[in-house]
Amino acid sequence: KFGAIAGCMVTEGTIKRHNPIRVLRDNVVIYEGELESLRRFKDDVNEVRNGMECGIGVKNYNDVRVGDMIEVFEIIEIQRTIA
């Protein structure tokens, strides 16, 4: 049903299903996109917290290798104010 699933450990922060991601290999960004699936054991979940393991399916990308780092980030718009 899905392509490659990466087994991951969350080392910092929280992974949220609808946030954008980037895949890094040797600290170089090799892919930017979004999650296709986020699972804890057999359950589909919306977020995974720091220190927990999960399975991540990356949409339109199947070349995840051992040692790759997956960064999940959030884009926040901050309105300018006149000081």
PDB file of N, CA and C in Angstrom:
ATOM      1  N   LYS A   1       0.820  -1.194   0.000  1.00  0.00           N
ATOM      2  CA  LYS A   1       0.000   0.000   0.000  1.00  0.00           C
ATOM      3  C   LYS A   1       0.861   1.253   0.000  1.00  0.00           C
ATOM      4  N   PHE A   2       1.902   1.300   0.855  1.00  0.00           N
ATOM      5  CA  PHE A   2       2.804   2.445   0.895  1.00  0.00           C
ATOM      6  C   PHE A   2       4.136   2.050   0.273  1.00  0.00           C
ATOM      7  N   GLY A   3       4.981   3.059  -0.003  1.00  0.00           N
ATOM      8  CA  GLY A   3       6.339   2.784  -0.462  1.00  0.00           C
ATOM      9  C   GLY A   3       7.183   2.388   0.743  1.00  0.00           C
ATOM     10  N   ALA A   4       8.406   2.880   0.780  1.00  0.00           N
ATOM     11  CA  ALA A   4       9.315   2.573   1.877  1.00  0.00           C
ATOM     12  C   ALA A   4       8.861   3.288   3.149  1.00  0.00           C
ATOM     13  N   ILE A   5       8.936   2.575   4.272  1.00  0.00           N
ATOM     14  CA  ILE A   5       8.616   3.151   5.579  1.00  0.00           C
ATOM     15  C   ILE A   5       9.920   3.238   6.365  1.00  0.00           C
ATOM     16  N   ALA A   6      10.210   4.429   6.898  1.00  0.00           N
ATOM     17  CA  ALA A   6      11.428   4.631   7.683  1.00  0.00           C
ATOM     18  C   ALA A   6      11.099   4.459   9.160  1.00  0.00           C
ATOM     19  N   GLY A   7      11.833   3.568   9.829  1.00  0.00           N
ATOM     20  CA  GLY A   7      11.702   3.430  11.280  1.00  0.00           C
ATOM     21  C   GLY A   7      12.519   4.535  11.928  1.00  0.00           C
ATOM     22  N   CYS A   8      11.888   5.344  12.780  1.00  0.00           N
ATOM     23  CA  CYS A   8      12.532   6.547  13.307  1.00  0.00           C
ATOM     24  C   CYS A   8      12.394   6.657  14.814  1.00  0.00           C
ATOM     25  N   MET A   9      13.335   7.386  15.422  1.00  0.00           N
ATOM     26  CA  MET A   9      13.254   7.781  16.826  1.00  0.00           C
ATOM     27  C   MET A   9      13.190   9.300  16.850  1.00  0.00           C
ATOM     28  N   VAL A  10      12.202   9.862  17.536  1.00  0.00           N
ATOM     29  CA  VAL A  10      12.073  11.317  17.644  1.00  0.00           C
ATOM     30  C   VAL A  10      13.082  11.789  18.688  1.00  0.00           C
ATOM     31  N   THR A  11      14.054  12.601  18.261  1.00  0.00           N
ATOM     32  CA  THR A  11      15.119  13.036  19.169  1.00  0.00           C
ATOM     33  C   THR A  11      14.883  14.424  19.739  1.00  0.00           C
ATOM     34  N   GLU A  12      14.003  15.190  19.104  1.00  0.00           N
ATOM     35  CA  GLU A  12      13.755  16.551  19.580  1.00  0.00           C
ATOM     36  C   GLU A  12      12.390  17.023  19.097  1.00  0.00           C
ATOM     37  N   GLY A  13      11.579  17.579  19.986  1.00  0.00           N
ATOM     38  CA  GLY A  13      10.296  18.155  19.589  1.00  0.00           C
ATOM     39  C   GLY A  13       9.222  17.111  19.344  1.00  0.00           C
ATOM     40  N   THR A  14       8.271  17.458  18.500  1.00  0.00           N
ATOM     41  CA  THR A  14       7.116  16.618  18.194  1.00  0.00           C
ATOM     42  C   THR A  14       6.913  16.568  16.681  1.00  0.00           C
ATOM     43  N   ILE A  15       6.644  15.366  16.156  1.00  0.00           N
ATOM     44  CA  ILE A  15       6.321  15.222  14.733  1.00  0.00           C
ATOM     45  C   ILE A  15       4.812  15.333  14.598  1.00  0.00           C
ATOM     46  N   LYS A  16       4.359  16.251  13.758  1.00  0.00           N
ATOM     47  CA  LYS A  16       2.931  16.374  13.470  1.00  0.00           C
ATOM     48  C   LYS A  16       2.704  15.998  12.014  1.00  0.00           C
ATOM     49  N   ARG A  17       1.671  15.221  11.774  1.00  0.00           N
ATOM     50  CA  ARG A  17       1.415  14.623  10.466  1.00  0.00           C
ATOM     51  C   ARG A  17       1.355  15.623   9.313  1.00  0.00           C
ATOM     52  N   HIS A  18       0.793  16.803   9.514  1.00  0.00           N
ATOM     53  CA  HIS A  18       0.563  17.706   8.383  1.00  0.00           C
ATOM     54  C   HIS A  18       1.654  18.749   8.201  1.00  0.00           C
ATOM     55  N   ASN A  19       2.769  18.633   8.940  1.00  0.00           N
ATOM     56  CA  ASN A  19       3.875  19.580   8.775  1.00  0.00           C
ATOM     57  C   ASN A  19       4.784  19.148   7.628  1.00  0.00           C
ATOM     58  N   PRO A  20       5.436  20.101   6.946  1.00  0.00           N
ATOM     59  CA  PRO A  20       6.381  19.745   5.877  1.00  0.00           C
ATOM     60  C   PRO A  20       7.638  19.082   6.455  1.00  0.00           C
ATOM     61  N   ILE A  21       8.339  18.332   5.612  1.00  0.00           N
ATOM     62  CA  ILE A  21       9.560  17.637   6.053  1.00  0.00           C
ATOM     63  C   ILE A  21      10.687  17.867   5.060  1.00  0.00           C
ATOM     64  N   ARG A  22      11.902  17.577   5.530  1.00  0.00           N
ATOM     65  CA  ARG A  22      13.048  17.479   4.626  1.00  0.00           C
ATOM     66  C   ARG A  22      13.887  16.285   5.073  1.00  0.00           C
ATOM     67  N   VAL A  23      14.451  15.586   4.084  1.00  0.00           N
ATOM     68  CA  VAL A  23      15.316  14.438   4.346  1.00  0.00           C
ATOM     69  C   VAL A  23      16.750  14.888   4.121  1.00  0.00           C
ATOM     70  N   LEU A  24      17.612  14.653   5.115  1.00  0.00           N
ATOM     71  CA  LEU A  24      19.020  15.042   5.025  1.00  0.00           C
ATOM     72  C   LEU A  24      19.902  13.801   5.023  1.00  0.00           C
ATOM     73  N   ARG A  25      20.881  13.805   4.141  1.00  0.00           N
ATOM     74  CA  ARG A  25      21.895  12.749   4.100  1.00  0.00           C
ATOM     75  C   ARG A  25      23.241  13.448   4.178  1.00  0.00           C
ATOM     76  N   ASP A  26      24.039  13.114   5.173  1.00  0.00           N
ATOM     77  CA  ASP A  26      25.331  13.777   5.420  1.00  0.00           C
ATOM     78  C   ASP A  26      25.140  15.293   5.527  1.00  0.00           C
ATOM     79  N   ASN A  27      24.094  15.715   6.248  1.00  0.00           N
ATOM     80  CA  ASN A  27      23.769  17.132   6.480  1.00  0.00           C
ATOM     81  C   ASN A  27      23.464  17.919   5.205  1.00  0.00           C
ATOM     82  N   VAL A  28      23.112  17.235   4.115  1.00  0.00           N
ATOM     83  CA  VAL A  28      22.721  17.892   2.867  1.00  0.00           C
ATOM     84  C   VAL A  28      21.259  17.529   2.593  1.00  0.00           C
ATOM     85  N   VAL A  29      20.434  18.534   2.312  1.00  0.00           N
ATOM     86  CA  VAL A  29      19.015  18.282   2.020  1.00  0.00           C
ATOM     87  C   VAL A  29      18.909  17.572   0.670  1.00  0.00           C
ATOM     88  N   ILE A  30      18.307  16.373   0.671  1.00  0.00           N
ATOM     89  CA  ILE A  30      18.155  15.625  -0.578  1.00  0.00           C
ATOM     90  C   ILE A  30      16.693  15.530  -1.014  1.00  0.00           C
ATOM     91  N   TYR A  31      15.767  15.906  -0.123  1.00  0.00           N
ATOM     92  CA  TYR A  31      14.347  15.867  -0.482  1.00  0.00           C
ATOM     93  C   TYR A  31      13.564  16.795   0.440  1.00  0.00           C
ATOM     94  N   GLU A  32      12.604  17.525  -0.116  1.00  0.00           N
ATOM     95  CA  GLU A  32      11.653  18.297   0.683  1.00  0.00           C
ATOM     96  C   GLU A  32      10.261  17.926   0.224  1.00  0.00           C
ATOM     97  N   GLY A  33       9.360  17.706   1.168  1.00  0.00           N
ATOM     98  CA  GLY A  33       8.002  17.319   0.799  1.00  0.00           C
ATOM     99  C   GLY A  33       7.125  17.165   2.013  1.00  0.00           C
ATOM    100  N   GLU A  34       6.314  16.088   2.006  1.00  0.00           N
ATOM    101  CA  GLU A  34       5.398  15.886   3.115  1.00  0.00           C
ATOM    102  C   GLU A  34       5.298  14.411   3.472  1.00  0.00           C
ATOM    103  N   LEU A  35       4.714  14.151   4.644  1.00  0.00           N
ATOM    104  CA  LEU A  35       4.532  12.784   5.113  1.00  0.00           C
ATOM    105  C   LEU A  35       3.356  12.130   4.401  1.00  0.00           C
ATOM    106  N   GLU A  36       3.514  10.847   4.095  1.00  0.00           N
ATOM    107  CA  GLU A  36       2.392  10.087   3.553  1.00  0.00           C
ATOM    108  C   GLU A  36       1.699   9.340   4.688  1.00  0.00           C
ATOM    109  N   SER A  37       2.502   8.847   5.645  1.00  0.00           N
ATOM    110  CA  SER A  37       1.925   8.145   6.790  1.00  0.00           C
ATOM    111  C   SER A  37       2.791   8.373   8.022  1.00  0.00           C
ATOM    112  N   LEU A  38       2.148   8.338   9.181  1.00  0.00           N
ATOM    113  CA  LEU A  38       2.828   8.452  10.472  1.00  0.00           C
ATOM    114  C   LEU A  38       2.182   7.432  11.390  1.00  0.00           C
ATOM    115  N   ARG A  39       2.978   6.467  11.861  1.00  0.00           N
ATOM    116  CA  ARG A  39       2.422   5.367  12.657  1.00  0.00           C
ATOM    117  C   ARG A  39       3.227   5.109  13.915  1.00  0.00           C
ATOM    118  N   ARG A  40       2.504   4.702  14.957  1.00  0.00           N
ATOM    119  CA  ARG A  40       3.097   4.152  16.173  1.00  0.00           C
ATOM    120  C   ARG A  40       2.616   2.714  16.228  1.00  0.00           C
ATOM    121  N   PHE A  41       3.541   1.767  16.125  1.00  0.00           N
ATOM    122  CA  PHE A  41       3.195   0.353  16.011  1.00  0.00           C
ATOM    123  C   PHE A  41       2.244   0.185  14.821  1.00  0.00           C
ATOM    124  N   LYS A  42       1.051  -0.303  14.993  1.00  0.00           N
ATOM    125  CA  LYS A  42       0.136  -0.497  13.857  1.00  0.00           C
ATOM    126  C   LYS A  42      -0.878   0.637  13.719  1.00  0.00           C
ATOM    127  N   ASP A  43      -0.823   1.622  14.622  1.00  0.00           N
ATOM    128  CA  ASP A  43      -1.844   2.677  14.650  1.00  0.00           C
ATOM    129  C   ASP A  43      -1.412   3.906  13.869  1.00  0.00           C
ATOM    130  N   ASP A  44      -2.320   4.435  13.033  1.00  0.00           N
ATOM    131  CA  ASP A  44      -2.117   5.742  12.398  1.00  0.00           C
ATOM    132  C   ASP A  44      -2.294   6.802  13.473  1.00  0.00           C
ATOM    133  N   VAL A  45      -1.344   7.729  13.589  1.00  0.00           N
ATOM    134  CA  VAL A  45      -1.428   8.775  14.612  1.00  0.00           C
ATOM    135  C   VAL A  45      -1.226  10.146  13.967  1.00  0.00           C
ATOM    136  N   ASN A  46      -1.625  11.201  14.682  1.00  0.00           N
ATOM    137  CA  ASN A  46      -1.458  12.562  14.177  1.00  0.00           C
ATOM    138  C   ASN A  46      -0.184  13.217  14.670  1.00  0.00           C
ATOM    139  N   GLU A  47       0.369  12.732  15.814  1.00  0.00           N
ATOM    140  CA  GLU A  47       1.632  13.277  16.292  1.00  0.00           C
ATOM    141  C   GLU A  47       2.381  12.247  17.111  1.00  0.00           C
ATOM    142  N   VAL A  48       3.717  12.395  17.124  1.00  0.00           N
ATOM    143  CA  VAL A  48       4.594  11.533  17.912  1.00  0.00           C
ATOM    144  C   VAL A  48       5.538  12.446  18.678  1.00  0.00           C
ATOM    145  N   ARG A  49       5.679  12.192  19.981  1.00  0.00           N
ATOM    146  CA  ARG A  49       6.459  13.086  20.840  1.00  0.00           C
ATOM    147  C   ARG A  49       7.909  12.635  20.996  1.00  0.00           C
ATOM    148  N   ASN A  50       8.706  13.541  21.551  1.00  0.00           N
ATOM    149  CA  ASN A  50      10.128  13.329  21.816  1.00  0.00           C
ATOM    150  C   ASN A  50      10.369  12.010  22.567  1.00  0.00           C
ATOM    151  N   GLY A  51      11.364  11.229  22.120  1.00  0.00           N
ATOM    152  CA  GLY A  51      11.745   9.992  22.787  1.00  0.00           C
ATOM    153  C   GLY A  51      10.970   8.765  22.340  1.00  0.00           C
ATOM    154  N   MET A  52      10.011   8.922  21.442  1.00  0.00           N
ATOM    155  CA  MET A  52       9.202   7.789  20.985  1.00  0.00           C
ATOM    156  C   MET A  52       9.653   7.334  19.597  1.00  0.00           C
ATOM    157  N   GLU A  53       9.387   6.061  19.310  1.00  0.00           N
ATOM    158  CA  GLU A  53       9.690   5.518  17.987  1.00  0.00           C
ATOM    159  C   GLU A  53       8.435   5.577  17.120  1.00  0.00           C
ATOM    160  N   CYS A  54       8.650   5.668  15.806  1.00  0.00           N
ATOM    161  CA  CYS A  54       7.507   5.711  14.887  1.00  0.00           C
ATOM    162  C   CYS A  54       7.951   5.232  13.511  1.00  0.00           C
ATOM    163  N   GLY A  55       6.973   5.000  12.663  1.00  0.00           N
ATOM    164  CA  GLY A  55       7.230   4.674  11.266  1.00  0.00           C
ATOM    165  C   GLY A  55       6.754   5.824  10.404  1.00  0.00           C
ATOM    166  N   ILE A  56       7.618   6.274   9.498  1.00  0.00           N
ATOM    167  CA  ILE A  56       7.293   7.416   8.646  1.00  0.00           C
ATOM    168  C   ILE A  56       7.330   6.985   7.187  1.00  0.00           C
ATOM    169  N   GLY A  57       6.242   7.255   6.484  1.00  0.00           N
ATOM    170  CA  GLY A  57       6.199   7.068   5.036  1.00  0.00           C
ATOM    171  C   GLY A  57       6.318   8.433   4.391  1.00  0.00           C
ATOM    172  N   VAL A  58       7.288   8.606   3.497  1.00  0.00           N
ATOM    173  CA  VAL A  58       7.521   9.902   2.856  1.00  0.00           C
ATOM    174  C   VAL A  58       6.851   9.893   1.487  1.00  0.00           C
ATOM    175  N   LYS A  59       6.002  10.882   1.223  1.00  0.00           N
ATOM    176  CA  LYS A  59       5.239  10.948  -0.030  1.00  0.00           C
ATOM    177  C   LYS A  59       6.171  11.179  -1.224  1.00  0.00           C
ATOM    178  N   ASN A  60       6.033  10.348  -2.257  1.00  0.00           N
ATOM    179  CA  ASN A  60       6.792  10.451  -3.520  1.00  0.00           C
ATOM    180  C   ASN A  60       8.300  10.323  -3.346  1.00  0.00           C
ATOM    181  N   TYR A  61       8.752   9.587  -2.325  1.00  0.00           N
ATOM    182  CA  TYR A  61      10.191   9.397  -2.115  1.00  0.00           C
ATOM    183  C   TYR A  61      10.406   8.048  -1.453  1.00  0.00           C
ATOM    184  N   ASN A  62      11.237   7.190  -2.064  1.00  0.00           N
ATOM    185  CA  ASN A  62      11.444   5.843  -1.533  1.00  0.00           C
ATOM    186  C   ASN A  62      12.891   5.527  -1.193  1.00  0.00           C
ATOM    187  N   ASP A  63      13.792   6.505  -1.302  1.00  0.00           N
ATOM    188  CA  ASP A  63      15.217   6.224  -1.114  1.00  0.00           C
ATOM    189  C   ASP A  63      15.716   6.607   0.282  1.00  0.00           C
ATOM    190  N   VAL A  64      14.919   6.349   1.314  1.00  0.00           N
ATOM    191  CA  VAL A  64      15.360   6.631   2.682  1.00  0.00           C
ATOM    192  C   VAL A  64      16.328   5.531   3.091  1.00  0.00           C
ATOM    193  N   ARG A  65      17.498   5.924   3.610  1.00  0.00           N
ATOM    194  CA  ARG A  65      18.537   4.967   3.997  1.00  0.00           C
ATOM    195  C   ARG A  65      18.862   5.082   5.480  1.00  0.00           C
ATOM    196  N   VAL A  66      19.528   4.062   6.004  1.00  0.00           N
ATOM    197  CA  VAL A  66      19.988   4.090   7.393  1.00  0.00           C
ATOM    198  C   VAL A  66      20.932   5.269   7.566  1.00  0.00           C
ATOM    199  N   GLY A  67      20.725   6.060   8.609  1.00  0.00           N
ATOM    200  CA  GLY A  67      21.581   7.218   8.860  1.00  0.00           C
ATOM    201  C   GLY A  67      21.020   8.525   8.328  1.00  0.00           C
ATOM    202  N   ASP A  68      19.996   8.462   7.462  1.00  0.00           N
ATOM    203  CA  ASP A  68      19.352   9.696   6.991  1.00  0.00           C
ATOM    204  C   ASP A  68      18.627  10.352   8.160  1.00  0.00           C
ATOM    205  N   MET A  69      18.518  11.663   8.108  1.00  0.00           N
ATOM    206  CA  MET A  69      17.806  12.398   9.133  1.00  0.00           C
ATOM    207  C   MET A  69      16.567  13.010   8.488  1.00  0.00           C
ATOM    208  N   ILE A  70      15.431  12.870   9.143  1.00  0.00           N
ATOM    209  CA  ILE A  70      14.193  13.465   8.649  1.00  0.00           C
ATOM    210  C   ILE A  70      13.823  14.601   9.589  1.00  0.00           C
ATOM    211  N   GLU A  71      13.810  15.823   9.056  1.00  0.00           N
ATOM    212  CA  GLU A  71      13.419  16.996   9.842  1.00  0.00           C
ATOM    213  C   GLU A  71      11.973  17.330   9.526  1.00  0.00           C
ATOM    214  N   VAL A  72      11.182  17.490  10.568  1.00  0.00           N
ATOM    215  CA  VAL A  72       9.800  17.941  10.416  1.00  0.00           C
ATOM    216  C   VAL A  72       9.766  19.355  10.963  1.00  0.00           C
ATOM    217  N   PHE A  73       9.242  20.291  10.173  1.00  0.00           N
ATOM    218  CA  PHE A  73       9.276  21.683  10.617  1.00  0.00           C
ATOM    219  C   PHE A  73       7.924  22.340  10.405  1.00  0.00           C
ATOM    220  N   GLU A  74       7.782  23.517  10.985  1.00  0.00           N
ATOM    221  CA  GLU A  74       6.534  24.263  10.908  1.00  0.00           C
ATOM    222  C   GLU A  74       6.838  25.638  10.347  1.00  0.00           C
ATOM    223  N   ILE A  75       6.022  26.107   9.421  1.00  0.00           N
ATOM    224  CA  ILE A  75       6.193  27.444   8.853  1.00  0.00           C
ATOM    225  C   ILE A  75       5.202  28.368   9.552  1.00  0.00           C
ATOM    226  N   ILE A  76       5.741  29.392  10.205  1.00  0.00           N
ATOM    227  CA  ILE A  76       4.904  30.332  10.953  1.00  0.00           C
ATOM    228  C   ILE A  76       5.086  31.723  10.368  1.00  0.00           C
ATOM    229  N   GLU A  77       3.981  32.359  10.000  1.00  0.00           N
ATOM    230  CA  GLU A  77       4.044  33.736   9.497  1.00  0.00           C
ATOM    231  C   GLU A  77       3.906  34.692  10.669  1.00  0.00           C
ATOM    232  N   ILE A  78       4.838  35.640  10.751  1.00  0.00           N
ATOM    233  CA  ILE A  78       4.798  36.650  11.800  1.00  0.00           C
ATOM    234  C   ILE A  78       4.600  37.999  11.132  1.00  0.00           C
ATOM    235  N   GLN A  79       3.538  38.687  11.501  1.00  0.00           N
ATOM    236  CA  GLN A  79       3.271  39.989  10.896  1.00  0.00           C
ATOM    237  C   GLN A  79       4.242  41.022  11.436  1.00  0.00           C
ATOM    238  N   ARG A  80       4.687  41.886  10.544  1.00  0.00           N
ATOM    239  CA  ARG A  80       5.575  42.969  10.951  1.00  0.00           C
ATOM    240  C   ARG A  80       4.794  44.022  11.729  1.00  0.00           C
ATOM    241  N   THR A  81       5.485  44.621  12.675  1.00  0.00           N
ATOM    242  CA  THR A  81       4.870  45.734  13.397  1.00  0.00           C
ATOM    243  C   THR A  81       5.774  46.941  13.280  1.00  0.00           C
ATOM    244  N   ILE A  82       5.183  48.104  13.281  1.00  0.00           N
ATOM    245  CA  ILE A  82       5.965  49.340  13.211  1.00  0.00           C
ATOM    246  C   ILE A  82       6.302  49.748  14.635  1.00  0.00           C
ATOM    247  N   ALA A  83       7.602  49.883  14.889  1.00  0.00           N
ATOM    248  CA  ALA A  83       8.028  50.212  16.255  1.00  0.00           C
ATOM    249  C   ALA A  83       8.196  51.706  16.431  1.00  0.00           C
TER     250      ALA A  83
END
